[in-house]
Amino acid sequence: MKEDHQRARVVRIDQYGDRDVLRIADVPMPRPATGEVLVEVRAAGINPGETSIRTGALHERFPAPFPFGQGSDLAGVIVAVGDGVSDFAVGDEVLGYSWRRSSHATHTVVPVTQLIRKPDALDWAVAGSLYVAASTAWAAVEAIGPAAGQTVAVSAAAGGVGSIVVQLLAVRGARVLGIASPANAAWLSAHGVRPVGYGEGLAADLAAAAPGGIDAFIDLFGPQYVRLAIDLGIPPERIETIISFEEAAKFGTRSAGSAEASSREVLTEVAALVAAGRIEIPIAATFPLEQVRDAFATLELRHTRGKIVLIPGPDA
């Protein structure tokens, strides 16, 4: 392996806490082992789960071995390959994911089993934000098994995951009710979704939008929506949540997440849908790596449409 760069910049966290625990560290350039490649990261999405890990809210499920890195989504260019790698070469453009919390960096080592080739039609920001949101959305849709013509309600319908969920449902021929702020109504309507504003009177508004009843519900925001779905008479097996695990256990609903759809096959299929223009990945904002705290401040407002992406390179 030959690599001209000697150092990499990476996000590091030394203790649980708010955004001020995020720092940029200068570290030796990682070297790929057998079956791995070194990727020069061009884009890396950020996700709400990373906030929960950073604050310690998910300590029981995802304990942090301090100091640790951050980030799963990534897209970039291979700059070095380890032994035994035959399906990728230096210079290949790829997208995929790291399970080592390491993609928020200028360079990271990734097993080739977690990468696919980047379609030419995808820009870097879209490619680098695809994995977590797309795999979570795919798993959520699979969990409720929508059929063409069925009505499905989705909370946080214009967020990073929600914006993909509603489009996957539309591709399958479902009738989609997207719960979101009025500011997102035009975008939802343009993507074949009937917008429904959240807040007081939501149950009545949903009932009015679906006089024939709602067949399934996907919650992407919080436990109040699981309880709402139960109150609407939707069977628990047709209710999916990616966030309200206590409510899921209480009511017996589905709670599938990205782990259930973390495969090259799913990522390839979603990337192909995006490249063909059948699904749009909205990019809410991009930030240079050094502004990672600002990126999470924007994310944690929970009012962005689509994905927030770090751009580690000089073009940020």
C-alpha atoms as a PDB file:
ATOM      1  CA  MET A   1       0.000   0.000   0.000  1.00  0.00           C
ATOM      2  CA  LYS A   2       1.259   3.467  -0.896  1.00  0.00           C
ATOM      3  CA  GLU A   3      -0.263   6.601   0.551  1.00  0.00           C
ATOM      4  CA  ASP A   4       1.207  10.068   0.221  1.00  0.00           C
ATOM      5  CA  HIS A   5      -0.811  11.667   3.022  1.00  0.00           C
ATOM      6  CA  GLN A   6       0.610  11.234   6.477  1.00  0.00           C
ATOM      7  CA  ARG A   7      -2.151  12.631   8.684  1.00  0.00           C
ATOM      8  CA  ALA A   8      -5.932  12.626   8.815  1.00  0.00           C
ATOM      9  CA  ARG A   9      -8.425  14.907  10.570  1.00  0.00           C
ATOM     10  CA  VAL A  10     -11.166  13.169  12.508  1.00  0.00           C
ATOM     11  CA  VAL A  11     -14.005  14.041  14.888  1.00  0.00           C
ATOM     12  CA  ARG A  12     -13.229  12.829  18.411  1.00  0.00           C
ATOM     13  CA  ILE A  13     -15.288  12.656  21.620  1.00  0.00           C
ATOM     14  CA  ASP A  14     -13.601  12.173  25.009  1.00  0.00           C
ATOM     15  CA  GLN A  15     -16.694  12.136  27.240  1.00  0.00           C
ATOM     16  CA  TYR A  16     -20.473  12.194  27.018  1.00  0.00           C
ATOM     17  CA  GLY A  17     -21.935  15.641  26.698  1.00  0.00           C
ATOM     18  CA  ASP A  18     -23.393  18.414  24.596  1.00  0.00           C
ATOM     19  CA  ARG A  19     -21.956  19.593  21.281  1.00  0.00           C
ATOM     20  CA  ASP A  20     -18.967  21.169  22.988  1.00  0.00           C
ATOM     21  CA  VAL A  21     -17.427  17.721  23.540  1.00  0.00           C
ATOM     22  CA  LEU A  22     -16.961  17.398  19.770  1.00  0.00           C
ATOM     23  CA  ARG A  23     -13.424  18.203  18.663  1.00  0.00           C
ATOM     24  CA  ILE A  24     -11.255  17.789  15.560  1.00  0.00           C
ATOM     25  CA  ALA A  25      -8.114  15.709  16.091  1.00  0.00           C
ATOM     26  CA  ASP A  26      -5.080  15.332  13.857  1.00  0.00           C
ATOM     27  CA  VAL A  27      -4.146  11.631  13.784  1.00  0.00           C
ATOM     28  CA  PRO A  28      -1.821   9.295  11.866  1.00  0.00           C
ATOM     29  CA  MET A  29      -3.233   8.220   8.522  1.00  0.00           C
ATOM     30  CA  PRO A  30      -5.151   4.944   9.027  1.00  0.00           C
ATOM     31  CA  ARG A  31      -3.946   1.926   7.052  1.00  0.00           C
ATOM     32  CA  PRO A  32      -6.292  -0.660   5.555  1.00  0.00           C
ATOM     33  CA  ALA A  33      -5.997  -4.240   6.731  1.00  0.00           C
ATOM     34  CA  THR A  34      -6.897  -7.315   4.705  1.00  0.00           C
ATOM     35  CA  GLY A  35     -10.245  -6.854   2.956  1.00  0.00           C
ATOM     36  CA  GLU A  36     -10.315  -3.108   3.668  1.00  0.00           C
ATOM     37  CA  VAL A  37      -9.759   0.107   1.731  1.00  0.00           C
ATOM     38  CA  LEU A  38      -8.777   3.609   2.775  1.00  0.00           C
ATOM     39  CA  VAL A  39     -11.369   6.160   1.643  1.00  0.00           C
ATOM     40  CA  GLU A  40     -10.719   9.862   1.257  1.00  0.00           C
ATOM     41  CA  VAL A  41     -14.101  11.096   2.487  1.00  0.00           C
ATOM     42  CA  ARG A  42     -15.844  13.631   0.248  1.00  0.00           C
ATOM     43  CA  ALA A  43     -19.141  13.700   2.182  1.00  0.00           C
ATOM     44  CA  ALA A  44     -20.530  12.202   5.393  1.00  0.00           C
ATOM     45  CA  GLY A  45     -24.098  12.610   6.606  1.00  0.00           C
ATOM     46  CA  ILE A  46     -24.980  13.267  10.240  1.00  0.00           C
ATOM     47  CA  ASN A  47     -27.893  11.612  12.005  1.00  0.00           C
ATOM     48  CA  PRO A  48     -30.005  12.060  15.167  1.00  0.00           C
ATOM     49  CA  GLY A  49     -28.750   8.766  16.593  1.00  0.00           C
ATOM     50  CA  GLU A  50     -25.256  10.239  16.773  1.00  0.00           C
ATOM     51  CA  THR A  51     -26.556  12.937  19.103  1.00  0.00           C
ATOM     52  CA  SER A  52     -28.073  10.265  21.345  1.00  0.00           C
ATOM     53  CA  ILE A  53     -24.814   8.296  21.414  1.00  0.00           C
ATOM     54  CA  ARG A  54     -22.775  11.437  22.136  1.00  0.00           C
ATOM     55  CA  THR A  55     -24.953  12.497  25.073  1.00  0.00           C
ATOM     56  CA  GLY A  56     -24.964   8.990  26.577  1.00  0.00           C
ATOM     57  CA  ALA A  57     -28.707   8.506  26.038  1.00  0.00           C
ATOM     58  CA  LEU A  58     -27.970   5.190  24.294  1.00  0.00           C
ATOM     59  CA  HIS A  59     -25.226   4.045  26.650  1.00  0.00           C
ATOM     60  CA  GLU A  60     -26.951   0.755  27.454  1.00  0.00           C
ATOM     61  CA  ARG A  61     -27.274  -0.153  23.771  1.00  0.00           C
ATOM     62  CA  PHE A  62     -24.173   1.554  22.338  1.00  0.00           C
ATOM     63  CA  PRO A  63     -21.577   2.135  25.091  1.00  0.00           C
ATOM     64  CA  ALA A  64     -18.777   4.477  24.112  1.00  0.00           C
ATOM     65  CA  PRO A  65     -15.111   3.396  24.466  1.00  0.00           C
ATOM     66  CA  PHE A  66     -13.532   6.831  25.016  1.00  0.00           C
ATOM     67  CA  PRO A  67     -12.060   8.451  23.081  1.00  0.00           C
ATOM     68  CA  PHE A  68     -14.230   7.509  20.127  1.00  0.00           C
ATOM     69  CA  GLY A  69     -15.102   8.802  16.694  1.00  0.00           C
ATOM     70  CA  GLN A  70     -18.389   9.504  15.039  1.00  0.00           C
ATOM     71  CA  GLY A  71     -20.296   8.868  11.843  1.00  0.00           C
ATOM     72  CA  SER A  72     -21.639   6.021   9.714  1.00  0.00           C
ATOM     73  CA  ASP A  73     -22.595   7.526   6.338  1.00  0.00           C
ATOM     74  CA  LEU A  74     -19.831   8.196   3.839  1.00  0.00           C
ATOM     75  CA  ALA A  75     -18.905   8.676   0.210  1.00  0.00           C
ATOM     76  CA  GLY A  76     -15.469   9.238  -1.195  1.00  0.00           C
ATOM     77  CA  VAL A  77     -12.572   8.058  -3.288  1.00  0.00           C
ATOM     78  CA  ILE A  78     -10.429   5.015  -2.541  1.00  0.00           C
ATOM     79  CA  VAL A  79      -6.805   6.079  -2.019  1.00  0.00           C
ATOM     80  CA  ALA A  80      -5.319   2.795  -0.795  1.00  0.00           C
ATOM     81  CA  VAL A  81      -6.302  -0.871  -0.706  1.00  0.00           C
ATOM     82  CA  GLY A  82      -5.433  -3.659   1.699  1.00  0.00           C
ATOM     83  CA  ASP A  83      -4.455  -7.205   0.898  1.00  0.00           C
ATOM     84  CA  GLY A  84      -7.074  -9.414  -0.682  1.00  0.00           C
ATOM     85  CA  VAL A  85      -9.091  -6.586  -2.250  1.00  0.00           C
ATOM     86  CA  SER A  86      -9.896  -7.335  -5.883  1.00  0.00           C
ATOM     87  CA  ASP A  87     -13.276  -5.697  -6.558  1.00  0.00           C
ATOM     88  CA  PHE A  88     -12.138  -2.121  -5.843  1.00  0.00           C
ATOM     89  CA  ALA A  89      -9.069  -0.139  -6.870  1.00  0.00           C
ATOM     90  CA  VAL A  90      -7.395   3.165  -6.064  1.00  0.00           C
ATOM     91  CA  GLY A  91      -9.407   5.960  -7.669  1.00  0.00           C
ATOM     92  CA  ASP A  92     -12.799   4.249  -7.441  1.00  0.00           C
ATOM     93  CA  GLU A  93     -15.665   6.434  -6.226  1.00  0.00           C
ATOM     94  CA  VAL A  94     -17.687   4.647  -3.552  1.00  0.00           C
ATOM     95  CA  LEU A  95     -20.433   5.132  -0.994  1.00  0.00           C
ATOM     96  CA  GLY A  96     -21.371   3.079   2.017  1.00  0.00           C
ATOM     97  CA  TYR A  97     -21.052   2.941   5.754  1.00  0.00           C
ATOM     98  CA  SER A  98     -18.729   2.455   8.691  1.00  0.00           C
ATOM     99  CA  TRP A  99     -19.758   0.561  11.806  1.00  0.00           C
ATOM    100  CA  ARG A 100     -16.708   1.930  13.639  1.00  0.00           C
ATOM    101  CA  ARG A 101     -18.063   5.476  14.172  1.00  0.00           C
ATOM    102  CA  SER A 102     -15.377   6.811  11.892  1.00  0.00           C
ATOM    103  CA  SER A 103     -16.860   8.513   8.816  1.00  0.00           C
ATOM    104  CA  HIS A 104     -16.730  12.074  10.189  1.00  0.00           C
ATOM    105  CA  ALA A 105     -13.151  12.425   9.046  1.00  0.00           C
ATOM    106  CA  THR A 106     -11.010  13.300   6.057  1.00  0.00           C
ATOM    107  CA  HIS A 107     -10.016   9.632   5.706  1.00  0.00           C
ATOM    108  CA  THR A 108     -11.335   6.365   7.108  1.00  0.00           C
ATOM    109  CA  VAL A 109     -10.734   2.655   6.647  1.00  0.00           C
ATOM    110  CA  VAL A 110     -13.783   0.609   5.588  1.00  0.00           C
ATOM    111  CA  PRO A 111     -14.310  -3.106   4.863  1.00  0.00           C
ATOM    112  CA  VAL A 112     -15.178  -3.591   1.193  1.00  0.00           C
ATOM    113  CA  THR A 113     -18.310  -5.476   2.255  1.00  0.00           C
ATOM    114  CA  GLN A 114     -19.742  -2.117   3.411  1.00  0.00           C
ATOM    115  CA  LEU A 115     -19.186  -0.228   0.173  1.00  0.00           C
ATOM    116  CA  ILE A 116     -20.777  -0.004  -3.276  1.00  0.00           C
ATOM    117  CA  ARG A 117     -19.719   1.963  -6.336  1.00  0.00           C
ATOM    118  CA  LYS A 118     -21.150   5.472  -6.439  1.00  0.00           C
ATOM    119  CA  PRO A 119     -23.477   5.984  -9.410  1.00  0.00           C
ATOM    120  CA  ASP A 120     -22.253   8.869 -11.560  1.00  0.00           C
ATOM    121  CA  ALA A 121     -25.660  10.569 -11.251  1.00  0.00           C
ATOM    122  CA  LEU A 122     -25.305  11.037  -7.484  1.00  0.00           C
ATOM    123  CA  ASP A 123     -23.525  14.133  -6.231  1.00  0.00           C
ATOM    124  CA  TRP A 124     -21.252  13.748  -3.254  1.00  0.00           C
ATOM    125  CA  ALA A 125     -23.605  15.193  -0.632  1.00  0.00           C
ATOM    126  CA  VAL A 126     -26.416  12.820  -1.608  1.00  0.00           C
ATOM    127  CA  ALA A 127     -24.123   9.791  -1.866  1.00  0.00           C
ATOM    128  CA  GLY A 128     -22.505  10.576   1.466  1.00  0.00           C
ATOM    129  CA  SER A 129     -25.801  10.844   3.327  1.00  0.00           C
ATOM    130  CA  LEU A 130     -27.544   7.794   1.945  1.00  0.00           C
ATOM    131  CA  TYR A 131     -26.809   4.828   4.211  1.00  0.00           C
ATOM    132  CA  VAL A 132     -28.414   5.499   7.618  1.00  0.00           C
ATOM    133  CA  ALA A 133     -31.520   7.303   6.367  1.00  0.00           C
ATOM    134  CA  ALA A 134     -32.069   4.970   3.424  1.00  0.00           C
ATOM    135  CA  SER A 135     -31.565   1.722   5.328  1.00  0.00           C
ATOM    136  CA  THR A 136     -33.755   2.955   8.196  1.00  0.00           C
ATOM    137  CA  ALA A 137     -36.459   4.053   5.762  1.00  0.00           C
ATOM    138  CA  TRP A 138     -36.275   0.755   3.895  1.00  0.00           C
ATOM    139  CA  ALA A 139     -36.585  -1.247   7.128  1.00  0.00           C
ATOM    140  CA  ALA A 140     -39.512   0.880   8.328  1.00  0.00           C
ATOM    141  CA  VAL A 141     -41.421   0.391   5.092  1.00  0.00           C
ATOM    142  CA  GLU A 142     -40.706  -3.340   5.033  1.00  0.00           C
ATOM    143  CA  ALA A 143     -41.910  -3.647   8.640  1.00  0.00           C
ATOM    144  CA  ILE A 144     -45.461  -2.579   7.796  1.00  0.00           C
ATOM    145  CA  GLY A 145     -45.636  -4.402   4.454  1.00  0.00           C
ATOM    146  CA  PRO A 146     -47.608  -1.780   2.471  1.00  0.00           C
ATOM    147  CA  ALA A 147     -49.670  -2.902  -0.506  1.00  0.00           C
ATOM    148  CA  ALA A 148     -50.659  -0.755  -3.450  1.00  0.00           C
ATOM    149  CA  GLY A 149     -53.718   1.317  -2.627  1.00  0.00           C
ATOM    150  CA  GLN A 150     -53.323   1.096   1.153  1.00  0.00           C
ATOM    151  CA  THR A 151     -53.183   4.273   3.247  1.00  0.00           C
ATOM    152  CA  VAL A 152     -50.105   4.855   5.399  1.00  0.00           C
ATOM    153  CA  ALA A 153     -49.536   7.788   7.779  1.00  0.00           C
ATOM    154  CA  VAL A 154     -45.968   8.937   8.491  1.00  0.00           C
ATOM    155  CA  SER A 155     -44.853  11.302  11.254  1.00  0.00           C
ATOM    156  CA  ALA A 156     -41.841  13.621  10.684  1.00  0.00           C
ATOM    157  CA  ALA A 157     -42.558  13.011   7.021  1.00  0.00           C
ATOM    158  CA  ALA A 158     -40.139  15.622   5.675  1.00  0.00           C
ATOM    159  CA  GLY A 159     -37.112  14.776   7.820  1.00  0.00           C
ATOM    160  CA  GLY A 160     -33.996  12.912   6.769  1.00  0.00           C
ATOM    161  CA  VAL A 161     -35.623   9.496   7.108  1.00  0.00           C
ATOM    162  CA  GLY A 162     -39.210  10.605   6.537  1.00  0.00           C
ATOM    163  CA  SER A 163     -38.501  12.201   3.170  1.00  0.00           C
ATOM    164  CA  ILE A 164     -37.246   8.811   1.946  1.00  0.00           C
ATOM    165  CA  VAL A 165     -39.991   6.776   3.655  1.00  0.00           C
ATOM    166  CA  VAL A 166     -42.795   8.685   1.968  1.00  0.00           C
ATOM    167  CA  GLN A 167     -41.171   8.305  -1.450  1.00  0.00           C
ATOM    168  CA  LEU A 168     -40.546   4.568  -0.988  1.00  0.00           C
ATOM    169  CA  LEU A 169     -44.208   4.194  -0.045  1.00  0.00           C
ATOM    170  CA  ALA A 170     -45.286   6.156  -3.107  1.00  0.00           C
ATOM    171  CA  VAL A 171     -43.071   3.982  -5.331  1.00  0.00           C
ATOM    172  CA  ARG A 172     -44.992   0.971  -3.981  1.00  0.00           C
ATOM    173  CA  GLY A 173     -48.311   2.570  -4.826  1.00  0.00           C
ATOM    174  CA  ALA A 174     -49.431   3.384  -1.279  1.00  0.00           C
ATOM    175  CA  ARG A 175     -51.551   6.421  -0.464  1.00  0.00           C
ATOM    176  CA  VAL A 176     -49.364   8.440   1.911  1.00  0.00           C
ATOM    177  CA  LEU A 177     -50.403  10.924   4.604  1.00  0.00           C
ATOM    178  CA  GLY A 178     -47.343  12.948   5.594  1.00  0.00           C
ATOM    179  CA  ILE A 179     -47.447  14.590   9.027  1.00  0.00           C
ATOM    180  CA  ALA A 180     -45.200  17.669   8.945  1.00  0.00           C
ATOM    181  CA  SER A 181     -45.144  21.430   9.385  1.00  0.00           C
ATOM    182  CA  PRO A 182     -47.003  23.616   6.871  1.00  0.00           C
ATOM    183  CA  ALA A 183     -43.616  24.758   5.529  1.00  0.00           C
ATOM    184  CA  ASN A 184     -43.126  21.271   4.086  1.00  0.00           C
ATOM    185  CA  ALA A 185     -46.593  20.898   2.561  1.00  0.00           C
ATOM    186  CA  ALA A 186     -45.581  21.938  -0.956  1.00  0.00           C
ATOM    187  CA  TRP A 187     -42.610  19.546  -1.051  1.00  0.00           C
ATOM    188  CA  LEU A 188     -44.738  16.655   0.190  1.00  0.00           C
ATOM    189  CA  SER A 189     -47.507  17.362  -2.320  1.00  0.00           C
ATOM    190  CA  ALA A 190     -44.960  17.495  -5.144  1.00  0.00           C
ATOM    191  CA  HIS A 191     -43.813  14.004  -4.176  1.00  0.00           C
ATOM    192  CA  GLY A 192     -47.237  12.394  -4.185  1.00  0.00           C
ATOM    193  CA  VAL A 193     -47.924  12.771  -0.469  1.00  0.00           C
ATOM    194  CA  ARG A 194     -50.991  14.330   1.143  1.00  0.00           C
ATOM    195  CA  PRO A 195     -49.664  16.723   3.814  1.00  0.00           C
ATOM    196  CA  VAL A 196     -51.280  16.846   7.251  1.00  0.00           C
ATOM    197  CA  GLY A 197     -50.149  19.478   9.754  1.00  0.00           C
ATOM    198  CA  TYR A 198     -49.124  18.295  13.199  1.00  0.00           C
ATOM    199  CA  GLY A 199     -50.508  19.725  16.423  1.00  0.00           C
ATOM    200  CA  GLU A 200     -53.925  20.046  17.996  1.00  0.00           C
ATOM    201  CA  GLY A 201     -56.661  18.251  16.090  1.00  0.00           C
ATOM    202  CA  LEU A 202     -54.279  15.890  14.308  1.00  0.00           C
ATOM    203  CA  ALA A 203     -56.412  12.792  14.921  1.00  0.00           C
ATOM    204  CA  ALA A 204     -59.448  14.472  13.377  1.00  0.00           C
ATOM    205  CA  ASP A 205     -57.383  15.792  10.457  1.00  0.00           C
ATOM    206  CA  LEU A 206     -56.029  12.300   9.739  1.00  0.00           C
ATOM    207  CA  ALA A 207     -59.516  10.826   9.901  1.00  0.00           C
ATOM    208  CA  ALA A 208     -60.781  13.482   7.495  1.00  0.00           C
ATOM    209  CA  ALA A 209     -57.886  12.813   5.102  1.00  0.00           C
ATOM    210  CA  ALA A 210     -58.586   9.069   5.146  1.00  0.00           C
ATOM    211  CA  PRO A 211     -62.337   8.486   5.501  1.00  0.00           C
ATOM    212  CA  GLY A 212     -61.811   4.845   4.600  1.00  0.00           C
ATOM    213  CA  GLY A 213     -59.374   4.389   7.470  1.00  0.00           C
ATOM    214  CA  ILE A 214     -55.599   4.224   7.840  1.00  0.00           C
ATOM    215  CA  ASP A 215     -54.007   0.836   7.200  1.00  0.00           C
ATOM    216  CA  ALA A 216     -50.577   1.451   8.715  1.00  0.00           C
ATOM    217  CA  PHE A 217     -48.542   4.070  10.595  1.00  0.00           C
ATOM    218  CA  ILE A 218     -44.799   4.794  10.600  1.00  0.00           C
ATOM    219  CA  ASP A 219     -43.553   6.879  13.544  1.00  0.00           C
ATOM    220  CA  LEU A 220     -40.272   8.721  13.011  1.00  0.00           C
ATOM    221  CA  PHE A 221     -40.584  11.299  15.782  1.00  0.00           C
ATOM    222  CA  GLY A 222     -41.760  10.174  19.214  1.00  0.00           C
ATOM    223  CA  PRO A 223     -44.046   8.114  21.457  1.00  0.00           C
ATOM    224  CA  GLN A 224     -47.099  10.360  21.067  1.00  0.00           C
ATOM    225  CA  TYR A 225     -47.446   9.089  17.509  1.00  0.00           C
ATOM    226  CA  VAL A 226     -47.388   5.433  18.536  1.00  0.00           C
ATOM    227  CA  ARG A 227     -50.178   6.172  21.019  1.00  0.00           C
ATOM    228  CA  LEU A 228     -52.056   8.113  18.334  1.00  0.00           C
ATOM    229  CA  ALA A 229     -51.812   5.164  15.941  1.00  0.00           C
ATOM    230  CA  ILE A 230     -53.189   2.834  18.626  1.00  0.00           C
ATOM    231  CA  ASP A 231     -56.036   5.279  19.324  1.00  0.00           C
ATOM    232  CA  LEU A 232     -56.837   5.348  15.608  1.00  0.00           C
ATOM    233  CA  GLY A 233     -57.419   1.597  15.764  1.00  0.00           C
ATOM    234  CA  ILE A 234     -54.450   0.581  13.617  1.00  0.00           C
ATOM    235  CA  PRO A 235     -53.326  -2.990  14.444  1.00  0.00           C
ATOM    236  CA  PRO A 236     -50.007  -3.016  16.363  1.00  0.00           C
ATOM    237  CA  GLU A 237     -48.370  -5.203  13.718  1.00  0.00           C
ATOM    238  CA  ARG A 238     -49.022  -2.423  11.179  1.00  0.00           C
ATOM    239  CA  ILE A 239     -47.421   0.249  13.365  1.00  0.00           C
ATOM    240  CA  GLU A 240     -43.673   0.850  13.057  1.00  0.00           C
ATOM    241  CA  THR A 241     -41.470   3.190  15.105  1.00  0.00           C
ATOM    242  CA  ILE A 242     -37.756   3.858  14.715  1.00  0.00           C
ATOM    243  CA  ILE A 243     -37.451   5.806  17.959  1.00  0.00           C
ATOM    244  CA  SER A 244     -40.149   4.966  20.536  1.00  0.00           C
ATOM    245  CA  PHE A 245     -38.851   1.643  21.805  1.00  0.00           C
ATOM    246  CA  GLU A 246     -40.653   1.706  25.167  1.00  0.00           C
ATOM    247  CA  GLU A 247     -43.974   2.318  23.441  1.00  0.00           C
ATOM    248  CA  ALA A 248     -43.208  -0.432  20.944  1.00  0.00           C
ATOM    249  CA  ALA A 249     -42.630  -2.887  23.792  1.00  0.00           C
ATOM    250  CA  LYS A 250     -45.761  -1.702  25.613  1.00  0.00           C
ATOM    251  CA  PHE A 251     -48.113  -2.007  22.642  1.00  0.00           C
ATOM    252  CA  GLY A 252     -46.388  -4.741  20.667  1.00  0.00           C
ATOM    253  CA  THR A 253     -45.671  -2.616  17.605  1.00  0.00           C
ATOM    254  CA  ARG A 254     -42.818  -3.018  15.140  1.00  0.00           C
ATOM    255  CA  SER A 255     -39.487  -1.282  15.793  1.00  0.00           C
ATOM    256  CA  ALA A 256     -37.248  -2.138  12.853  1.00  0.00           C
ATOM    257  CA  GLY A 257     -34.185   0.006  12.214  1.00  0.00           C
ATOM    258  CA  SER A 258     -31.183   0.339   9.955  1.00  0.00           C
ATOM    259  CA  ALA A 259     -29.635  -2.917  11.187  1.00  0.00           C
ATOM    260  CA  GLU A 260     -32.451  -4.853   9.516  1.00  0.00           C
ATOM    261  CA  ALA A 261     -31.599  -3.330   6.136  1.00  0.00           C
ATOM    262  CA  SER A 262     -27.826  -2.875   6.348  1.00  0.00           C
ATOM    263  CA  SER A 263     -26.697  -4.643   3.210  1.00  0.00           C
ATOM    264  CA  ARG A 264     -25.007  -3.845  -0.065  1.00  0.00           C
ATOM    265  CA  GLU A 265     -28.111  -5.110  -1.850  1.00  0.00           C
ATOM    266  CA  VAL A 266     -30.477  -2.614  -0.177  1.00  0.00           C
ATOM    267  CA  LEU A 267     -28.000   0.237  -0.571  1.00  0.00           C
ATOM    268  CA  THR A 268     -27.522  -0.606  -4.256  1.00  0.00           C
ATOM    269  CA  GLU A 269     -31.278  -0.664  -4.860  1.00  0.00           C
ATOM    270  CA  VAL A 270     -31.904   2.653  -3.125  1.00  0.00           C
ATOM    271  CA  ALA A 271     -28.929   4.291  -4.858  1.00  0.00           C
ATOM    272  CA  ALA A 272     -30.334   3.117  -8.190  1.00  0.00           C
ATOM    273  CA  LEU A 273     -33.757   4.616  -7.390  1.00  0.00           C
ATOM    274  CA  VAL A 274     -32.116   7.927  -6.510  1.00  0.00           C
ATOM    275  CA  ALA A 275     -29.854   7.884  -9.583  1.00  0.00           C
ATOM    276  CA  ALA A 276     -32.900   7.215 -11.787  1.00  0.00           C
ATOM    277  CA  GLY A 277     -34.758  10.187 -10.293  1.00  0.00           C
ATOM    278  CA  ARG A 278     -37.490   8.078  -8.704  1.00  0.00           C
ATOM    279  CA  ILE A 279     -36.468   9.188  -5.200  1.00  0.00           C
ATOM    280  CA  GLU A 280     -35.058  12.574  -4.224  1.00  0.00           C
ATOM    281  CA  ILE A 281     -32.706  12.999  -1.255  1.00  0.00           C
ATOM    282  CA  PRO A 282     -33.163  16.603  -0.079  1.00  0.00           C
ATOM    283  CA  ILE A 283     -29.972  18.186   1.273  1.00  0.00           C
ATOM    284  CA  ALA A 284     -30.871  20.707   3.952  1.00  0.00           C
ATOM    285  CA  ALA A 285     -27.341  22.029   4.543  1.00  0.00           C
ATOM    286  CA  THR A 286     -23.654  21.198   4.233  1.00  0.00           C
ATOM    287  CA  PHE A 287     -20.860  22.103   6.655  1.00  0.00           C
ATOM    288  CA  PRO A 288     -17.069  21.723   6.615  1.00  0.00           C
ATOM    289  CA  LEU A 289     -15.708  19.165   9.054  1.00  0.00           C
ATOM    290  CA  GLU A 290     -14.424  21.901  11.369  1.00  0.00           C
ATOM    291  CA  GLN A 291     -18.000  23.148  11.821  1.00  0.00           C
ATOM    292  CA  VAL A 292     -19.322  19.808  13.077  1.00  0.00           C
ATOM    293  CA  ARG A 293     -20.767  21.488  16.187  1.00  0.00           C
ATOM    294  CA  ASP A 294     -22.748  23.922  14.027  1.00  0.00           C
ATOM    295  CA  ALA A 295     -23.974  21.035  11.878  1.00  0.00           C
ATOM    296  CA  PHE A 296     -25.385  19.251  14.924  1.00  0.00           C
ATOM    297  CA  ALA A 297     -26.895  22.472  16.264  1.00  0.00           C
ATOM    298  CA  THR A 298     -28.881  22.681  13.041  1.00  0.00           C
ATOM    299  CA  LEU A 299     -29.816  18.994  13.147  1.00  0.00           C
ATOM    300  CA  GLU A 300     -30.974  19.159  16.757  1.00  0.00           C
ATOM    301  CA  LEU A 301     -33.556  21.843  15.930  1.00  0.00           C
ATOM    302  CA  ARG A 302     -35.489  18.958  14.305  1.00  0.00           C
ATOM    303  CA  HIS A 303     -36.978  21.257  11.685  1.00  0.00           C
ATOM    304  CA  THR A 304     -34.799  20.580   8.655  1.00  0.00           C
ATOM    305  CA  ARG A 305     -36.086  19.010   5.456  1.00  0.00           C
ATOM    306  CA  GLY A 306     -33.774  16.246   4.368  1.00  0.00           C
ATOM    307  CA  LYS A 307     -30.150  15.590   5.266  1.00  0.00           C
ATOM    308  CA  ILE A 308     -27.331  17.615   6.837  1.00  0.00           C
ATOM    309  CA  VAL A 309     -23.917  16.672   5.496  1.00  0.00           C
ATOM    310  CA  LEU A 310     -20.299  17.236   6.487  1.00  0.00           C
ATOM    311  CA  ILE A 311     -17.893  17.970   3.626  1.00  0.00           C
ATOM    312  CA  PRO A 312     -14.412  17.156   4.986  1.00  0.00           C
ATOM    313  CA  GLY A 313     -12.362  18.222   1.962  1.00  0.00           C
ATOM    314  CA  PRO A 314     -11.042  21.588   0.750  1.00  0.00           C
ATOM    315  CA  ASP A 315     -14.186  22.264  -1.301  1.00  0.00           C
ATOM    316  CA  ALA A 316     -16.443  22.529   1.772  1.00  0.00           C
END
